[in-house]
Amino acid sequence: MMMAAHSVRIQENYTSVVAQRQLATVFDHFLLFFIDIEPIISATFLFIAGFSLTLSLKPSLDNAAQRQWYNGLFKRAAALYGVAIVFFIAEYGLQWPDMLVSAGVLGIIATSLLVSAALLLYGGKDKGLIIATCICLAATYFLETNNIQIPGLNTGSGGMLPLVVMGFLGTLLGLNYKRYQDNALFGGLLIAGIIAVFGFVTQYPNTFVYKSYFTFYASQPLDNLYQSLLALFSDEAVGRQRLVGFWNHSSIYPLRFTVLILFGLILSVKLFKNASQPALKFLNALGSYGLTIYVYHLMVLALLEVTGIKPQTGWQTLLLILALILSGYAIIRNRIRLDPDTN
């Protein structure tokens, strides 16, 4: 889903299609649907990452093995955060401090995984995750109601709050799933459903749009990056400040939509648990290597953006998405073939 939301953005007529949806084709409307639900897509991504994290931690590990597991996770998370910074710089150039503290959803995932893992090992597990969730939601609400905007926390391309909460909730569910199996899933669904009822009583918005001042030196990303690098060492490059808007989940969002995400997770678990048919194996492989596919598709889209080889219409964008999925699956299968232990 995130692949569709990103791919349509590089479509040549994307701006005009968004501005005049009545003129959009059936293919365009299908793709714009993923733009409309992008907040729940990113929230789902965090939730599943947290859920998977718990399943990767074996309860039989001793203290030394747990530290080794966390150190390995730290290295992967650092690499993921580094990738987020690279993608941010490629798109927006050198923007301080956003490029370091608000680099995008990959950076949020990396941070959420590290904090969740630390709470699992050293922070009281369930208790620590629940306390961290409450603190983050309260902090988000305080920032919103007082109109306080802090890059990296609630503004910019990768505002941590409250999206990290979805990672905490996914970790909490995964922890209890290991203990109680399906009872944890359906119990969590019931609790999330009750909370959602209270969440929808209020008219509080699901998202807020915050604007950041960025300095741009050229309209094309590659030229802008080159000029922003040049500006570090000389006064030849002259940039212009521009307000760039980014939406951010509100503090009420996790309370309202966790039930929907959890319902989708239950369907996925039931569907993929005993995947024997080729189609299910295909989808299961894509889900297991979701982060790898995510990074891969961003690299391809960045290359298309730089070279100017972009889809012109909705049906061409759909073909691009299909090509990304199939080529990504081929990469996964080759990785599994070379290293069967990763399967």
Protein backbone atom coordinates (compact mmCIF):
# COMPACT_ATOMS: atom_id res chain seq x y z
CA MET A 1 0.00 0.00 0.00
CA MET A 2 2.82 2.38 0.85
CA MET A 3 4.40 1.43 -2.46
CA ALA A 4 1.29 2.65 -4.29
CA ALA A 5 1.18 5.92 -2.33
CA HIS A 6 4.82 6.66 -3.16
CA SER A 7 4.66 5.55 -6.79
CA VAL A 8 1.73 7.75 -7.71
CA ARG A 9 3.59 10.80 -6.38
CA ILE A 10 6.18 10.55 -9.15
CA GLN A 11 3.45 10.26 -11.82
CA GLU A 12 3.92 13.11 -14.29
CA ASN A 13 0.40 14.51 -13.91
CA TYR A 14 0.07 13.82 -10.17
CA THR A 15 -0.38 17.49 -9.18
CA SER A 16 -3.13 18.13 -11.73
CA VAL A 17 -4.90 14.86 -10.89
CA VAL A 18 -5.00 15.77 -7.19
CA ALA A 19 -6.21 19.29 -7.97
CA GLN A 20 -8.93 18.11 -10.38
CA ARG A 21 -10.05 14.68 -9.27
CA GLN A 22 -13.18 14.89 -11.37
CA LEU A 23 -10.94 14.58 -14.45
CA ALA A 24 -8.97 11.63 -13.09
CA THR A 25 -9.21 8.20 -14.69
CA VAL A 26 -10.36 5.05 -12.92
CA PHE A 27 -6.69 4.07 -12.48
CA ASP A 28 -5.89 7.47 -10.97
CA HIS A 29 -8.78 7.22 -8.49
CA PHE A 30 -7.59 3.78 -7.42
CA LEU A 31 -4.07 5.10 -6.76
CA LEU A 32 -5.28 8.27 -5.01
CA PHE A 33 -7.19 6.07 -2.58
CA PHE A 34 -3.82 5.03 -1.13
CA ILE A 35 -2.89 8.70 -0.72
CA ASP A 36 -6.12 9.24 1.22
CA ILE A 37 -5.43 6.34 3.60
CA GLU A 38 -1.69 6.99 3.93
CA PRO A 39 -1.94 7.80 7.68
CA ILE A 40 -3.31 4.34 8.44
CA ILE A 41 -0.75 2.71 6.13
CA SER A 42 2.20 4.19 8.03
CA ALA A 43 0.56 3.39 11.37
CA THR A 44 0.08 -0.22 10.24
CA PHE A 45 3.73 -0.40 9.21
CA LEU A 46 4.83 0.60 12.73
CA PHE A 47 2.37 -1.75 14.40
CA ILE A 48 3.50 -4.78 12.38
CA ALA A 49 7.18 -3.91 12.95
CA GLY A 50 6.57 -3.90 16.70
CA PHE A 51 4.61 -7.14 16.56
CA SER A 52 7.38 -8.85 14.56
CA LEU A 53 10.05 -7.57 16.96
CA THR A 54 8.58 -9.52 19.87
CA LEU A 55 8.34 -12.71 17.86
CA SER A 56 12.06 -12.48 17.04
CA LEU A 57 13.04 -12.47 20.73
CA LYS A 58 13.30 -16.01 22.12
CA PRO A 59 12.33 -16.26 25.82
CA SER A 60 15.05 -18.89 26.44
CA LEU A 61 17.90 -16.43 25.80
CA ASP A 62 20.20 -15.72 28.72
CA ASN A 63 21.43 -12.22 29.59
CA ALA A 64 24.47 -12.42 27.32
CA ALA A 65 22.38 -13.66 24.39
CA GLN A 66 19.80 -10.92 25.01
CA ARG A 67 22.53 -8.27 24.88
CA GLN A 68 23.81 -9.80 21.66
CA TRP A 69 20.27 -9.73 20.23
CA TYR A 70 19.88 -6.07 21.18
CA ASN A 71 23.29 -5.13 19.78
CA GLY A 72 22.37 -6.76 16.49
CA LEU A 73 19.06 -4.92 16.47
CA PHE A 74 20.86 -1.65 17.25
CA LYS A 75 23.12 -2.07 14.21
CA ARG A 76 20.17 -2.82 11.92
CA ALA A 77 18.18 0.10 13.33
CA ALA A 78 21.14 2.45 12.90
CA ALA A 79 21.50 1.33 9.29
CA LEU A 80 17.77 1.86 8.76
CA TYR A 81 17.97 5.35 10.25
CA GLY A 82 20.95 6.08 8.01
CA VAL A 83 18.95 5.02 4.96
CA ALA A 84 16.14 7.36 6.05
CA ILE A 85 18.60 10.27 6.23
CA VAL A 86 19.99 9.47 2.77
CA PHE A 87 16.48 9.40 1.24
CA PHE A 88 15.57 12.65 2.99
CA ILE A 89 18.68 14.44 1.70
CA ALA A 90 18.09 13.09 -1.80
CA GLU A 91 14.57 14.54 -1.82
CA TYR A 92 14.96 17.80 0.12
CA GLY A 93 18.69 18.51 0.22
CA LEU A 94 20.55 19.48 3.39
CA GLN A 95 17.86 20.78 5.74
CA TRP A 96 18.94 21.31 9.33
CA PRO A 97 17.87 19.86 11.76
CA ASP A 98 15.14 17.89 9.98
CA MET A 99 17.52 15.70 8.00
CA LEU A 100 18.83 14.23 11.28
CA VAL A 101 15.86 14.29 13.64
CA SER A 102 12.91 13.98 11.24
CA ALA A 103 14.13 11.91 8.32
CA GLY A 104 10.96 9.92 7.61
CA VAL A 105 9.01 6.82 8.53
CA LEU A 106 12.10 4.58 8.36
CA GLY A 107 13.69 6.67 11.09
CA ILE A 108 10.54 6.37 13.20
CA ILE A 109 10.54 2.59 12.75
CA ALA A 110 14.21 2.39 13.79
CA THR A 111 13.61 4.48 16.90
CA SER A 112 10.45 2.61 17.84
CA LEU A 113 12.16 -0.78 17.51
CA LEU A 114 15.10 0.26 19.70
CA VAL A 115 12.90 1.73 22.44
CA SER A 116 10.49 -1.22 22.32
CA ALA A 117 13.37 -3.71 22.54
CA ALA A 118 14.88 -1.85 25.50
CA LEU A 119 11.51 -1.93 27.28
CA LEU A 120 11.19 -5.65 26.56
CA LEU A 121 14.58 -6.42 28.05
CA TYR A 122 15.06 -3.83 30.77
CA GLY A 123 11.86 -1.81 31.17
CA GLY A 124 9.30 -4.15 32.67
CA LYS A 125 7.87 -5.47 29.39
CA ASP A 126 4.06 -4.94 29.48
CA LYS A 127 4.22 -2.30 32.18
CA GLY A 128 6.99 -0.35 30.47
CA LEU A 129 5.26 -0.45 27.08
CA ILE A 130 1.95 0.76 28.54
CA ILE A 131 3.66 3.59 30.47
CA ALA A 132 5.64 4.64 27.37
CA THR A 133 2.41 4.65 25.32
CA CYS A 134 0.61 6.86 27.83
CA ILE A 135 3.55 9.27 28.12
CA CYS A 136 3.87 9.63 24.35
CA LEU A 137 0.13 10.19 23.82
CA ALA A 138 0.03 12.75 26.63
CA ALA A 139 3.09 14.54 25.24
CA THR A 140 1.54 14.61 21.76
CA TYR A 141 -1.71 16.07 23.11
CA PHE A 142 0.19 18.71 25.08
CA LEU A 143 2.16 19.77 21.99
CA GLU A 144 -1.02 19.90 19.85
CA THR A 145 -3.17 21.87 22.25
CA ASN A 146 -0.40 24.39 22.95
CA ASN A 147 0.57 24.67 19.27
CA ILE A 148 4.16 23.71 20.02
CA GLN A 149 6.05 22.44 16.99
CA ILE A 150 9.32 20.59 17.51
CA PRO A 151 11.11 19.02 14.51
CA GLY A 152 11.54 15.31 15.06
CA LEU A 153 8.81 15.10 17.68
CA ASN A 154 5.58 16.27 16.03
CA THR A 155 6.66 18.13 12.89
CA GLY A 156 8.63 17.40 9.75
CA SER A 157 8.87 14.41 7.46
CA GLY A 158 9.31 12.00 10.37
CA GLY A 159 7.58 13.28 13.48
CA MET A 160 8.05 10.58 16.13
CA LEU A 161 4.95 11.41 18.17
CA PRO A 162 2.55 9.73 18.30
CA LEU A 163 3.55 7.23 15.60
CA VAL A 164 6.08 5.42 17.82
CA VAL A 165 3.07 4.47 19.96
CA MET A 166 1.90 2.14 17.19
CA GLY A 167 5.21 0.31 17.47
CA PHE A 168 4.78 0.03 21.25
CA LEU A 169 1.24 -1.32 20.85
CA GLY A 170 2.38 -3.83 18.24
CA THR A 171 5.15 -4.98 20.58
CA LEU A 172 2.69 -5.28 23.47
CA LEU A 173 0.34 -7.39 21.37
CA GLY A 174 3.17 -9.59 20.11
CA LEU A 175 4.36 -10.17 23.68
CA ASN A 176 0.93 -11.38 24.72
CA TYR A 177 0.44 -13.34 21.52
CA LYS A 178 3.46 -15.45 22.47
CA ARG A 179 1.80 -16.14 25.81
CA TYR A 180 -1.85 -16.61 24.89
CA GLN A 181 -1.90 -17.08 21.10
CA ASP A 182 -5.31 -16.29 19.52
CA ASN A 183 -6.82 -15.25 22.86
CA ALA A 184 -4.41 -12.30 22.89
CA LEU A 185 -5.46 -11.25 19.38
CA PHE A 186 -9.19 -11.33 20.06
CA GLY A 187 -8.79 -9.88 23.55
CA GLY A 188 -6.73 -7.04 22.08
CA LEU A 189 -9.37 -6.52 19.40
CA LEU A 190 -12.08 -6.21 22.05
CA ILE A 191 -10.09 -3.70 24.12
CA ALA A 192 -9.12 -1.68 21.04
CA GLY A 193 -12.77 -1.68 19.91
CA ILE A 194 -13.98 -0.28 23.22
CA ILE A 195 -11.29 2.42 23.18
CA ALA A 196 -12.17 3.29 19.57
CA VAL A 197 -15.81 3.94 20.53
CA PHE A 198 -14.69 6.59 23.01
CA GLY A 199 -12.16 7.89 20.50
CA PHE A 200 -14.79 8.58 17.88
CA VAL A 201 -17.10 10.40 20.31
CA THR A 202 -14.95 13.53 20.08
CA GLN A 203 -14.59 15.67 16.94
CA TYR A 204 -10.83 15.88 17.42
CA PRO A 205 -8.97 15.73 14.05
CA ASN A 206 -7.11 12.60 12.95
CA THR A 207 -4.13 14.53 11.64
CA PHE A 208 -2.54 17.95 11.84
CA VAL A 209 -0.56 19.71 9.13
CA TYR A 210 2.58 21.48 10.28
CA LYS A 211 4.84 23.56 8.07
CA SER A 212 8.62 23.72 8.18
CA TYR A 213 10.95 26.27 6.59
CA PHE A 214 13.24 24.57 4.09
CA THR A 215 15.88 26.24 1.92
CA PHE A 216 15.79 25.18 -1.72
CA TYR A 217 18.40 26.04 -4.33
CA ALA A 218 16.84 24.41 -7.41
CA SER A 219 13.56 22.78 -8.44
CA GLN A 220 15.11 19.44 -9.41
CA PRO A 221 16.15 17.22 -6.45
CA LEU A 222 19.60 16.38 -7.84
CA ASP A 223 20.40 20.01 -8.66
CA ASN A 224 19.09 21.10 -5.28
CA LEU A 225 21.29 18.57 -3.51
CA TYR A 226 24.36 19.68 -5.44
CA GLN A 227 23.68 23.36 -4.75
CA SER A 228 23.01 22.72 -1.05
CA LEU A 229 26.34 20.90 -0.78
CA LEU A 230 28.01 23.79 -2.60
CA ALA A 231 26.46 26.25 -0.16
CA LEU A 232 28.37 24.60 2.68
CA PHE A 233 31.70 25.74 1.24
CA SER A 234 30.93 28.91 -0.70
CA ASP A 235 28.48 31.77 -1.09
CA GLU A 236 27.87 31.09 -4.79
CA ALA A 237 24.70 29.08 -4.21
CA VAL A 238 21.72 31.26 -3.36
CA GLY A 239 18.72 29.52 -1.86
CA ARG A 240 15.16 30.56 -1.17
CA GLN A 241 13.23 29.62 1.94
CA ARG A 242 9.92 27.90 1.39
CA LEU A 243 7.28 26.53 3.71
CA VAL A 244 6.83 22.77 3.29
CA GLY A 245 3.81 21.14 4.88
CA PHE A 246 3.81 17.67 6.45
CA TRP A 247 0.83 15.97 8.03
CA ASN A 248 1.27 14.27 11.38
CA HIS A 249 -0.97 11.84 13.25
CA SER A 250 -2.89 13.39 16.12
CA SER A 251 -2.87 12.04 19.67
CA ILE A 252 -6.34 10.53 19.14
CA TYR A 253 -5.32 8.56 16.05
CA PRO A 254 -3.91 5.43 17.77
CA LEU A 255 -7.00 5.26 19.98
CA ARG A 256 -9.35 5.32 17.01
CA PHE A 257 -7.66 3.16 14.43
CA THR A 258 -5.72 0.48 16.32
CA VAL A 259 -8.84 -1.70 16.20
CA LEU A 260 -8.88 -1.56 12.39
CA ILE A 261 -5.16 -2.34 12.15
CA LEU A 262 -5.53 -5.20 14.62
CA PHE A 263 -8.44 -6.63 12.66
CA GLY A 264 -6.29 -6.62 9.52
CA LEU A 265 -3.44 -8.28 11.41
CA ILE A 266 -5.75 -11.06 12.62
CA LEU A 267 -6.88 -11.73 9.06
CA SER A 268 -3.25 -11.81 7.90
CA VAL A 269 -2.18 -14.19 10.67
CA LYS A 270 -5.03 -16.56 9.85
CA LEU A 271 -4.40 -16.35 6.13
CA PHE A 272 -0.62 -16.79 6.17
CA LYS A 273 -0.23 -19.14 9.13
CA ASN A 274 -0.44 -22.26 6.99
CA ALA A 275 0.42 -20.83 3.60
CA SER A 276 0.60 -23.72 1.19
CA GLN A 277 -0.76 -22.30 -2.04
CA PRO A 278 1.71 -20.49 -4.34
CA ALA A 279 -0.21 -17.20 -4.08
CA LEU A 280 -0.15 -17.28 -0.29
CA LYS A 281 3.54 -18.17 -0.22
CA PHE A 282 4.18 -15.22 -2.52
CA LEU A 283 2.34 -12.79 -0.21
CA ASN A 284 3.91 -14.35 2.87
CA ALA A 285 7.41 -13.79 1.47
CA LEU A 286 6.61 -10.14 0.68
CA GLY A 287 5.29 -9.63 4.22
CA SER A 288 8.29 -11.28 5.86
CA TYR A 289 10.71 -8.97 4.03
CA GLY A 290 8.54 -5.86 4.08
CA LEU A 291 11.35 -3.47 5.13
CA THR A 292 13.68 -4.81 2.44
CA ILE A 293 11.00 -4.27 -0.21
CA TYR A 294 10.23 -0.83 1.21
CA VAL A 295 13.83 0.35 0.93
CA TYR A 296 14.20 -1.26 -2.51
CA HIS A 297 11.14 0.49 -3.95
CA LEU A 298 12.28 3.87 -2.61
CA MET A 299 15.66 3.40 -4.31
CA VAL A 300 14.00 2.60 -7.63
CA LEU A 301 11.57 5.53 -7.38
CA ALA A 302 14.43 7.90 -6.51
CA LEU A 303 16.33 6.70 -9.58
CA LEU A 304 13.27 7.26 -11.80
CA GLU A 305 12.78 10.73 -10.31
CA VAL A 306 16.39 11.72 -10.97
CA THR A 307 16.48 10.34 -14.52
CA GLY A 308 13.06 11.73 -15.43
CA ILE A 309 11.80 8.32 -16.53
CA LYS A 310 8.42 8.58 -14.83
CA PRO A 311 4.96 7.14 -15.50
CA GLN A 312 2.69 9.52 -17.39
CA THR A 313 -0.71 8.11 -16.43
CA GLY A 314 -2.39 5.96 -13.81
CA TRP A 315 -2.22 2.69 -15.73
CA GLN A 316 1.52 3.18 -16.28
CA THR A 317 1.97 3.75 -12.53
CA LEU A 318 0.10 0.49 -11.85
CA LEU A 319 2.48 -1.31 -14.21
CA LEU A 320 5.41 0.25 -12.33
CA ILE A 321 4.01 -1.01 -9.00
CA LEU A 322 3.57 -4.50 -10.46
CA ALA A 323 7.17 -4.43 -11.72
CA LEU A 324 8.41 -3.32 -8.28
CA ILE A 325 6.53 -6.14 -6.55
CA LEU A 326 7.73 -8.84 -8.94
CA SER A 327 11.34 -7.65 -8.99
CA GLY A 328 11.31 -7.28 -5.21
CA TYR A 329 10.03 -10.82 -4.87
CA ALA A 330 12.79 -12.05 -7.17
CA ILE A 331 15.38 -10.37 -4.91
CA ILE A 332 13.83 -12.02 -1.85
CA ARG A 333 13.79 -15.47 -3.43
CA ASN A 334 17.41 -15.11 -4.47
CA ARG A 335 18.36 -14.04 -0.93
CA ILE A 336 16.57 -17.05 0.55
CA ARG A 337 18.23 -19.36 -1.98
CA LEU A 338 21.70 -18.04 -1.12
CA ASP A 339 21.03 -18.06 2.63
CA PRO A 340 18.29 -20.55 3.56
CA ASP A 341 18.58 -19.58 7.25
CA THR A 342 16.94 -16.21 6.47
CA ASN A 343 13.72 -17.93 5.47
